Each structure stands twice: as structure tokens, then as C-alpha cells.
């Protein structure tokens, strides 16, 4: 029961889009985030390469992220990427199995950008956008 309460509480908190603390970007707009995570752009607004870091599979945080960011269920986002792969476009994202590995990747890579529940933000991360429900 405690695990369910924990997951439920986590799902209710805002999601933060974060980068490495050394990344020169301080803030991104919602449309810039959509462009980065939906593959329209592969660089930050300053033209530095961006590496989106995502959670693998049907992770609850990933479902919430896409619903809040683009207003689509994860199944539609996955279908979108399947269509793009069919046309030969590759996805530049890196996939991690859990938030801890996602955070570790961002801390180790100045070009990385990802999303985590706000409670998991550390001093090694810089928040560039907060997604509220």
C-alpha cells in the first residue's frame, strides 16, 4: 500500500525539465521543449547539441510528461515516432530504465535534457521548465 501511495503522490507533483548545471541554457519555452522532445530540433536555442533523455517504456512519469507537454497519450507519441522511423528519421533520444539513471546521465552530460518529478531535483541539475497539470 505504501508503494501505491508513493507512486500516487509522485504522479501528483509537478514535473521539472532539467539540464546539467553547467549547461548555459537557463530557461526553455514550452514550444522549444516540444520541438526538442518531438524531434523537430536537435539543438538548444544557442545551437549547442541537445540530447533528450527519456524513461523507457510505459513509465508513469513519461506518460504524465507527454500528456502535460503535448496533450497526447503516450500511445500517440509512440505512433508518431514509429511513422518518423518508417520515413528514415532516427530519434536522438537516450532511454534510461529509471529516474536515478536518467539523472546520472544528465549530470554526466552537459548536452542532456530530461524530465523528473520535482522532488528528485539535485544541486547538479538546473531546472529550465516546470510542467504543472
N, C-alpha and C. Protein backbone atom coordinates (compact mmCIF):
# COMPACT_ATOMS: atom_id res chain seq x y z
N UNK A 1 0.85 -1.20 0.00
CA UNK A 1 0.00 0.00 0.00
C UNK A 1 0.88 1.25 0.00
N UNK A 2 1.96 1.23 0.78
CA UNK A 2 2.86 2.38 0.84
C UNK A 2 3.44 2.71 -0.53
N UNK A 3 3.78 1.68 -1.31
CA UNK A 3 4.31 1.90 -2.66
C UNK A 3 3.28 2.58 -3.54
N UNK A 4 2.01 2.17 -3.42
CA UNK A 4 0.95 2.80 -4.22
C UNK A 4 0.76 4.26 -3.84
N UNK A 5 0.81 4.54 -2.54
CA UNK A 5 0.67 5.92 -2.07
C UNK A 5 1.85 6.75 -2.59
N UNK A 6 3.04 6.19 -2.55
CA UNK A 6 4.23 6.89 -3.03
C UNK A 6 4.12 7.20 -4.52
N UNK A 7 3.71 6.22 -5.33
CA UNK A 7 3.56 6.43 -6.77
C UNK A 7 2.46 7.45 -7.03
N UNK A 8 1.37 7.35 -6.29
CA UNK A 8 0.25 8.29 -6.47
C UNK A 8 0.68 9.71 -6.11
N UNK A 9 1.40 9.87 -5.02
CA UNK A 9 1.87 11.20 -4.61
C UNK A 9 2.84 11.75 -5.62
N UNK A 10 3.73 10.87 -6.15
CA UNK A 10 4.71 11.31 -7.13
C UNK A 10 4.02 11.78 -8.41
N UNK A 11 2.96 11.08 -8.80
CA UNK A 11 2.26 11.44 -10.03
C UNK A 11 1.57 12.80 -9.90
N UNK A 12 1.29 13.24 -8.68
CA UNK A 12 0.61 14.49 -8.46
C UNK A 12 1.55 15.70 -8.42
N UNK A 13 2.82 15.46 -8.21
CA UNK A 13 3.74 16.59 -8.11
C UNK A 13 4.15 17.06 -9.51
N UNK A 14 4.52 18.33 -9.63
CA UNK A 14 4.95 18.85 -10.94
C UNK A 14 6.18 18.13 -11.44
N UNK A 15 6.31 18.08 -12.75
CA UNK A 15 7.50 17.53 -13.39
C UNK A 15 8.41 18.69 -13.76
N UNK A 16 9.69 18.50 -13.55
CA UNK A 16 10.68 19.52 -13.91
C UNK A 16 11.47 19.03 -15.11
N UNK A 17 11.66 19.90 -16.07
CA UNK A 17 12.56 19.61 -17.18
C UNK A 17 13.90 20.18 -16.76
N UNK A 18 14.92 19.31 -16.79
CA UNK A 18 16.22 19.68 -16.23
C UNK A 18 17.36 19.45 -17.21
N UNK A 19 18.42 20.20 -17.00
CA UNK A 19 19.67 20.04 -17.75
C UNK A 19 20.81 19.98 -16.73
N UNK A 20 21.99 19.67 -17.23
CA UNK A 20 23.20 19.70 -16.42
C UNK A 20 23.41 21.12 -15.91
N UNK A 21 23.88 21.26 -14.67
CA UNK A 21 24.05 22.61 -14.10
C UNK A 21 25.04 23.46 -14.89
N UNK A 22 25.93 22.84 -15.66
CA UNK A 22 26.90 23.59 -16.45
C UNK A 22 26.34 24.02 -17.81
N UNK A 23 25.18 23.56 -18.16
CA UNK A 23 24.57 23.94 -19.44
C UNK A 23 24.27 25.44 -19.40
N UNK A 24 24.61 26.19 -20.46
CA UNK A 24 24.38 27.63 -20.44
C UNK A 24 22.90 28.03 -20.56
N UNK A 25 22.04 27.12 -20.93
CA UNK A 25 20.61 27.42 -21.06
C UNK A 25 20.00 27.54 -19.66
N UNK A 26 19.27 28.63 -19.41
CA UNK A 26 18.64 28.84 -18.11
C UNK A 26 17.14 28.58 -18.14
N UNK A 27 16.54 28.70 -19.32
CA UNK A 27 15.09 28.56 -19.43
C UNK A 27 14.73 28.18 -20.86
N UNK A 28 13.70 27.35 -20.99
CA UNK A 28 13.17 26.99 -22.30
C UNK A 28 11.67 27.21 -22.29
N UNK A 29 11.12 27.53 -23.45
CA UNK A 29 9.67 27.69 -23.55
C UNK A 29 9.03 26.34 -23.79
N UNK A 30 7.75 26.26 -23.61
CA UNK A 30 7.01 25.03 -23.88
C UNK A 30 7.19 24.60 -25.33
N UNK A 31 7.11 25.55 -26.26
CA UNK A 31 7.25 25.19 -27.68
C UNK A 31 8.66 24.70 -27.99
N UNK A 32 9.68 25.26 -27.34
CA UNK A 32 11.05 24.77 -27.54
C UNK A 32 11.19 23.34 -27.02
N UNK A 33 10.56 23.06 -25.89
CA UNK A 33 10.59 21.70 -25.34
C UNK A 33 9.89 20.71 -26.27
N UNK A 34 8.74 21.11 -26.79
CA UNK A 34 8.02 20.25 -27.73
C UNK A 34 8.91 19.97 -28.94
N UNK A 35 9.54 21.00 -29.45
CA UNK A 35 10.42 20.81 -30.62
C UNK A 35 11.57 19.85 -30.30
N UNK A 36 12.15 19.94 -29.12
CA UNK A 36 13.25 19.06 -28.74
C UNK A 36 12.79 17.62 -28.52
N UNK A 37 11.71 17.45 -27.77
CA UNK A 37 11.27 16.09 -27.43
C UNK A 37 10.47 15.41 -28.53
N UNK A 38 9.96 16.20 -29.49
CA UNK A 38 9.23 15.60 -30.61
C UNK A 38 10.09 15.55 -31.87
N UNK A 39 11.36 15.90 -31.75
CA UNK A 39 12.32 15.69 -32.83
C UNK A 39 12.41 16.76 -33.90
N UNK A 40 11.72 17.88 -33.73
CA UNK A 40 11.82 18.93 -34.74
C UNK A 40 13.20 19.58 -34.72
N UNK A 41 13.74 19.76 -33.51
CA UNK A 41 15.07 20.33 -33.35
C UNK A 41 15.97 19.36 -32.61
N UNK A 42 17.26 19.43 -32.88
CA UNK A 42 18.24 18.57 -32.21
C UNK A 42 19.26 19.41 -31.43
N UNK A 43 18.94 20.70 -31.27
CA UNK A 43 19.87 21.59 -30.57
C UNK A 43 19.08 22.55 -29.67
N UNK A 44 19.77 23.05 -28.67
CA UNK A 44 19.21 24.09 -27.81
C UNK A 44 19.14 25.39 -28.61
N UNK A 45 18.42 26.39 -28.12
CA UNK A 45 18.33 27.67 -28.84
C UNK A 45 19.69 28.32 -29.14
N UNK A 46 20.73 28.00 -28.36
CA UNK A 46 22.07 28.57 -28.60
C UNK A 46 22.86 27.73 -29.62
N UNK A 47 22.20 26.78 -30.26
CA UNK A 47 22.78 25.88 -31.27
C UNK A 47 23.69 24.78 -30.72
N UNK A 48 23.81 24.66 -29.40
CA UNK A 48 24.52 23.52 -28.82
C UNK A 48 23.65 22.28 -28.99
N UNK A 49 24.28 21.16 -29.30
CA UNK A 49 23.54 19.90 -29.48
C UNK A 49 22.77 19.57 -28.20
N UNK A 50 21.55 19.07 -28.37
CA UNK A 50 20.73 18.63 -27.24
C UNK A 50 20.54 17.12 -27.31
N UNK A 51 20.64 16.47 -26.16
CA UNK A 51 20.41 15.03 -26.08
C UNK A 51 19.22 14.80 -25.15
N UNK A 52 18.02 14.62 -25.70
CA UNK A 52 16.88 14.30 -24.84
C UNK A 52 17.09 12.94 -24.17
N UNK A 53 16.82 12.90 -22.87
CA UNK A 53 16.94 11.65 -22.11
C UNK A 53 15.53 11.30 -21.64
N UNK A 54 15.12 10.08 -21.94
CA UNK A 54 13.76 9.65 -21.65
C UNK A 54 13.75 8.41 -20.78
N UNK A 55 12.63 8.19 -20.14
CA UNK A 55 12.43 6.94 -19.42
C UNK A 55 11.94 5.90 -20.41
N UNK A 56 12.39 4.66 -20.24
CA UNK A 56 11.99 3.58 -21.15
C UNK A 56 10.54 3.18 -20.93
N UNK A 57 9.95 2.67 -21.99
CA UNK A 57 8.65 2.02 -21.91
C UNK A 57 7.51 2.90 -21.47
N UNK A 58 6.62 2.31 -20.69
CA UNK A 58 5.38 2.96 -20.27
C UNK A 58 5.50 3.50 -18.85
N UNK A 59 6.61 4.07 -18.52
CA UNK A 59 6.83 4.62 -17.18
C UNK A 59 5.79 5.70 -16.88
N UNK A 60 5.25 5.70 -15.68
CA UNK A 60 4.19 6.65 -15.29
C UNK A 60 4.62 8.11 -15.48
N UNK A 61 5.86 8.42 -15.12
CA UNK A 61 6.37 9.79 -15.27
C UNK A 61 6.43 10.18 -16.75
N UNK A 62 6.81 9.25 -17.61
CA UNK A 62 6.86 9.51 -19.05
C UNK A 62 5.46 9.76 -19.61
N UNK A 63 4.50 8.96 -19.17
CA UNK A 63 3.11 9.13 -19.60
C UNK A 63 2.62 10.52 -19.22
N UNK A 64 2.88 10.91 -17.96
CA UNK A 64 2.46 12.22 -17.47
C UNK A 64 3.18 13.35 -18.22
N UNK A 65 4.45 13.17 -18.49
CA UNK A 65 5.23 14.19 -19.19
C UNK A 65 4.62 14.50 -20.55
N UNK A 66 4.40 13.48 -21.36
CA UNK A 66 3.86 13.72 -22.70
C UNK A 66 2.42 14.22 -22.68
N UNK A 67 1.63 13.74 -21.73
CA UNK A 67 0.26 14.23 -21.63
C UNK A 67 0.27 15.72 -21.31
N UNK A 68 1.15 16.13 -20.38
CA UNK A 68 1.21 17.54 -20.00
C UNK A 68 1.91 18.41 -21.05
N UNK A 69 2.93 17.88 -21.70
CA UNK A 69 3.69 18.69 -22.66
C UNK A 69 2.95 18.88 -23.98
N UNK A 70 2.50 17.78 -24.57
CA UNK A 70 1.89 17.87 -25.91
C UNK A 70 0.41 17.53 -25.92
N UNK A 71 -0.14 17.17 -24.77
CA UNK A 71 -1.56 16.86 -24.70
C UNK A 71 -1.96 15.58 -25.42
N UNK A 72 -1.00 14.66 -25.52
CA UNK A 72 -1.29 13.40 -26.20
C UNK A 72 -0.94 12.23 -25.29
N UNK A 73 -1.70 11.14 -25.40
CA UNK A 73 -1.31 9.94 -24.65
C UNK A 73 -0.02 9.37 -25.24
N UNK A 74 0.70 8.62 -24.44
CA UNK A 74 1.97 8.05 -24.86
C UNK A 74 1.81 7.18 -26.11
N UNK A 75 0.70 6.51 -26.25
CA UNK A 75 0.48 5.67 -27.44
C UNK A 75 0.53 6.50 -28.72
N UNK A 76 -0.02 7.71 -28.70
CA UNK A 76 0.03 8.57 -29.88
C UNK A 76 1.44 9.10 -30.13
N UNK A 77 2.16 9.40 -29.06
CA UNK A 77 3.56 9.84 -29.20
C UNK A 77 4.39 8.72 -29.81
N UNK A 78 4.19 7.49 -29.32
CA UNK A 78 4.92 6.35 -29.87
C UNK A 78 4.56 6.11 -31.34
N UNK A 79 3.29 6.28 -31.69
CA UNK A 79 2.86 6.12 -33.09
C UNK A 79 3.52 7.19 -33.97
N UNK A 80 3.63 8.40 -33.46
CA UNK A 80 4.30 9.49 -34.17
C UNK A 80 5.74 9.10 -34.49
N UNK A 81 6.45 8.58 -33.47
CA UNK A 81 7.84 8.18 -33.68
C UNK A 81 7.96 6.99 -34.62
N UNK A 82 7.01 6.09 -34.57
CA UNK A 82 7.02 4.94 -35.49
C UNK A 82 6.90 5.42 -36.93
N UNK A 83 6.03 6.40 -37.18
CA UNK A 83 5.88 6.96 -38.53
C UNK A 83 7.18 7.62 -38.98
N UNK A 84 7.82 8.36 -38.09
CA UNK A 84 9.07 9.02 -38.45
C UNK A 84 10.17 8.00 -38.74
N UNK A 85 10.24 6.94 -37.94
CA UNK A 85 11.24 5.90 -38.19
C UNK A 85 11.01 5.25 -39.55
N UNK A 86 9.75 5.08 -39.91
CA UNK A 86 9.40 4.48 -41.20
C UNK A 86 9.92 5.34 -42.36
N UNK A 87 9.95 6.65 -42.16
CA UNK A 87 10.44 7.56 -43.20
C UNK A 87 11.96 7.74 -43.15
N UNK A 88 12.61 7.04 -42.21
CA UNK A 88 14.06 7.09 -42.16
C UNK A 88 14.64 8.03 -41.13
N UNK A 89 13.80 8.77 -40.41
CA UNK A 89 14.32 9.66 -39.37
C UNK A 89 14.61 8.88 -38.11
N UNK A 90 15.75 9.17 -37.52
CA UNK A 90 16.13 8.50 -36.29
C UNK A 90 15.89 9.41 -35.10
N UNK A 91 15.61 8.82 -33.99
CA UNK A 91 15.40 9.58 -32.77
C UNK A 91 16.71 9.73 -32.03
N UNK A 92 17.03 10.95 -31.64
CA UNK A 92 18.31 11.23 -30.99
C UNK A 92 18.27 10.98 -29.48
N UNK A 93 17.13 10.55 -28.97
CA UNK A 93 16.98 10.39 -27.52
C UNK A 93 17.75 9.19 -26.99
N UNK A 94 18.10 9.30 -25.71
CA UNK A 94 18.72 8.22 -24.94
C UNK A 94 17.64 7.75 -23.96
N UNK A 95 17.52 6.44 -23.79
CA UNK A 95 16.48 5.91 -22.91
C UNK A 95 17.09 5.26 -21.68
N UNK A 96 16.54 5.58 -20.51
CA UNK A 96 17.02 5.04 -19.24
C UNK A 96 15.86 4.33 -18.52
N UNK A 97 16.17 3.28 -17.75
CA UNK A 97 15.11 2.49 -17.12
C UNK A 97 14.45 3.14 -15.91
N UNK A 98 15.10 4.13 -15.29
CA UNK A 98 14.51 4.76 -14.10
C UNK A 98 15.05 6.18 -13.94
N UNK A 99 14.44 6.90 -13.00
CA UNK A 99 14.80 8.30 -12.80
C UNK A 99 16.25 8.46 -12.33
N UNK A 100 16.74 7.52 -11.51
CA UNK A 100 18.10 7.63 -10.99
C UNK A 100 19.13 7.59 -12.12
N UNK A 101 18.94 6.66 -13.05
CA UNK A 101 19.88 6.57 -14.18
C UNK A 101 19.72 7.75 -15.13
N UNK A 102 18.51 8.24 -15.28
CA UNK A 102 18.27 9.42 -16.12
C UNK A 102 19.00 10.62 -15.54
N UNK A 103 18.87 10.81 -14.23
CA UNK A 103 19.55 11.93 -13.56
C UNK A 103 21.07 11.78 -13.67
N UNK A 104 21.58 10.59 -13.46
CA UNK A 104 23.02 10.36 -13.55
C UNK A 104 23.53 10.68 -14.95
N UNK A 105 22.76 10.34 -15.99
CA UNK A 105 23.16 10.64 -17.36
C UNK A 105 23.22 12.15 -17.58
N UNK A 106 22.23 12.87 -17.09
CA UNK A 106 22.21 14.33 -17.25
C UNK A 106 23.38 14.97 -16.51
N UNK A 107 23.67 14.49 -15.31
CA UNK A 107 24.79 15.03 -14.54
C UNK A 107 26.12 14.79 -15.27
N UNK A 108 26.22 13.69 -15.98
CA UNK A 108 27.46 13.34 -16.69
C UNK A 108 27.56 13.95 -18.09
N UNK A 109 26.47 14.54 -18.60
CA UNK A 109 26.45 15.05 -19.98
C UNK A 109 25.86 16.46 -20.04
N UNK A 110 26.70 17.43 -20.34
CA UNK A 110 26.26 18.82 -20.38
C UNK A 110 25.18 19.05 -21.44
N UNK A 111 25.11 18.22 -22.45
CA UNK A 111 24.13 18.41 -23.53
C UNK A 111 22.79 17.73 -23.26
N UNK A 112 22.69 16.99 -22.18
CA UNK A 112 21.48 16.21 -21.90
C UNK A 112 20.36 17.09 -21.34
N UNK A 113 19.13 16.69 -21.66
CA UNK A 113 17.92 17.32 -21.13
C UNK A 113 16.91 16.22 -20.87
N UNK A 114 16.26 16.29 -19.71
CA UNK A 114 15.29 15.27 -19.36
C UNK A 114 14.24 15.81 -18.40
N UNK A 115 13.39 14.92 -17.94
CA UNK A 115 12.29 15.30 -17.06
C UNK A 115 12.26 14.39 -15.84
N UNK A 116 12.00 14.98 -14.69
CA UNK A 116 11.92 14.23 -13.43
C UNK A 116 10.86 14.87 -12.54
N UNK A 117 10.31 14.09 -11.60
CA UNK A 117 9.46 14.72 -10.59
C UNK A 117 10.26 15.77 -9.83
N UNK A 118 9.62 16.85 -9.48
CA UNK A 118 10.31 17.99 -8.86
C UNK A 118 11.06 17.58 -7.59
N UNK A 119 10.58 16.60 -6.86
CA UNK A 119 11.23 16.18 -5.61
C UNK A 119 12.60 15.52 -5.84
N UNK A 120 12.91 15.13 -7.08
CA UNK A 120 14.18 14.45 -7.36
C UNK A 120 15.28 15.40 -7.85
N UNK A 121 14.99 16.68 -7.91
CA UNK A 121 15.98 17.65 -8.37
C UNK A 121 17.13 17.73 -7.36
N UNK A 122 18.35 17.70 -7.90
CA UNK A 122 19.54 17.81 -7.04
C UNK A 122 20.29 19.09 -7.40
N UNK A 123 21.31 19.41 -6.64
CA UNK A 123 22.11 20.61 -6.90
C UNK A 123 22.91 20.49 -8.20
N UNK A 124 23.02 19.29 -8.75
CA UNK A 124 23.76 19.08 -10.00
C UNK A 124 22.89 19.30 -11.24
N UNK A 125 21.61 19.61 -11.02
CA UNK A 125 20.68 19.82 -12.13
C UNK A 125 20.19 21.26 -12.14
N UNK A 126 19.85 21.73 -13.33
CA UNK A 126 19.28 23.07 -13.48
C UNK A 126 17.88 22.91 -14.08
N UNK A 127 16.90 23.49 -13.45
CA UNK A 127 15.52 23.43 -13.94
C UNK A 127 15.34 24.49 -15.02
N UNK A 128 14.87 24.05 -16.20
CA UNK A 128 14.64 25.00 -17.30
C UNK A 128 13.15 25.17 -17.61
N UNK A 129 12.33 24.31 -17.00
CA UNK A 129 10.88 24.42 -17.21
C UNK A 129 10.18 23.54 -16.18
N UNK A 130 9.03 23.99 -15.70
CA UNK A 130 8.20 23.19 -14.79
C UNK A 130 6.87 22.93 -15.50
N UNK A 131 6.49 21.68 -15.53
CA UNK A 131 5.19 21.28 -16.11
C UNK A 131 4.21 21.04 -14.98
N UNK A 132 3.13 21.80 -14.97
CA UNK A 132 2.07 21.61 -14.00
C UNK A 132 0.91 20.94 -14.69
N UNK A 133 0.12 20.19 -13.92
CA UNK A 133 -1.05 19.54 -14.51
C UNK A 133 -2.10 20.58 -14.86
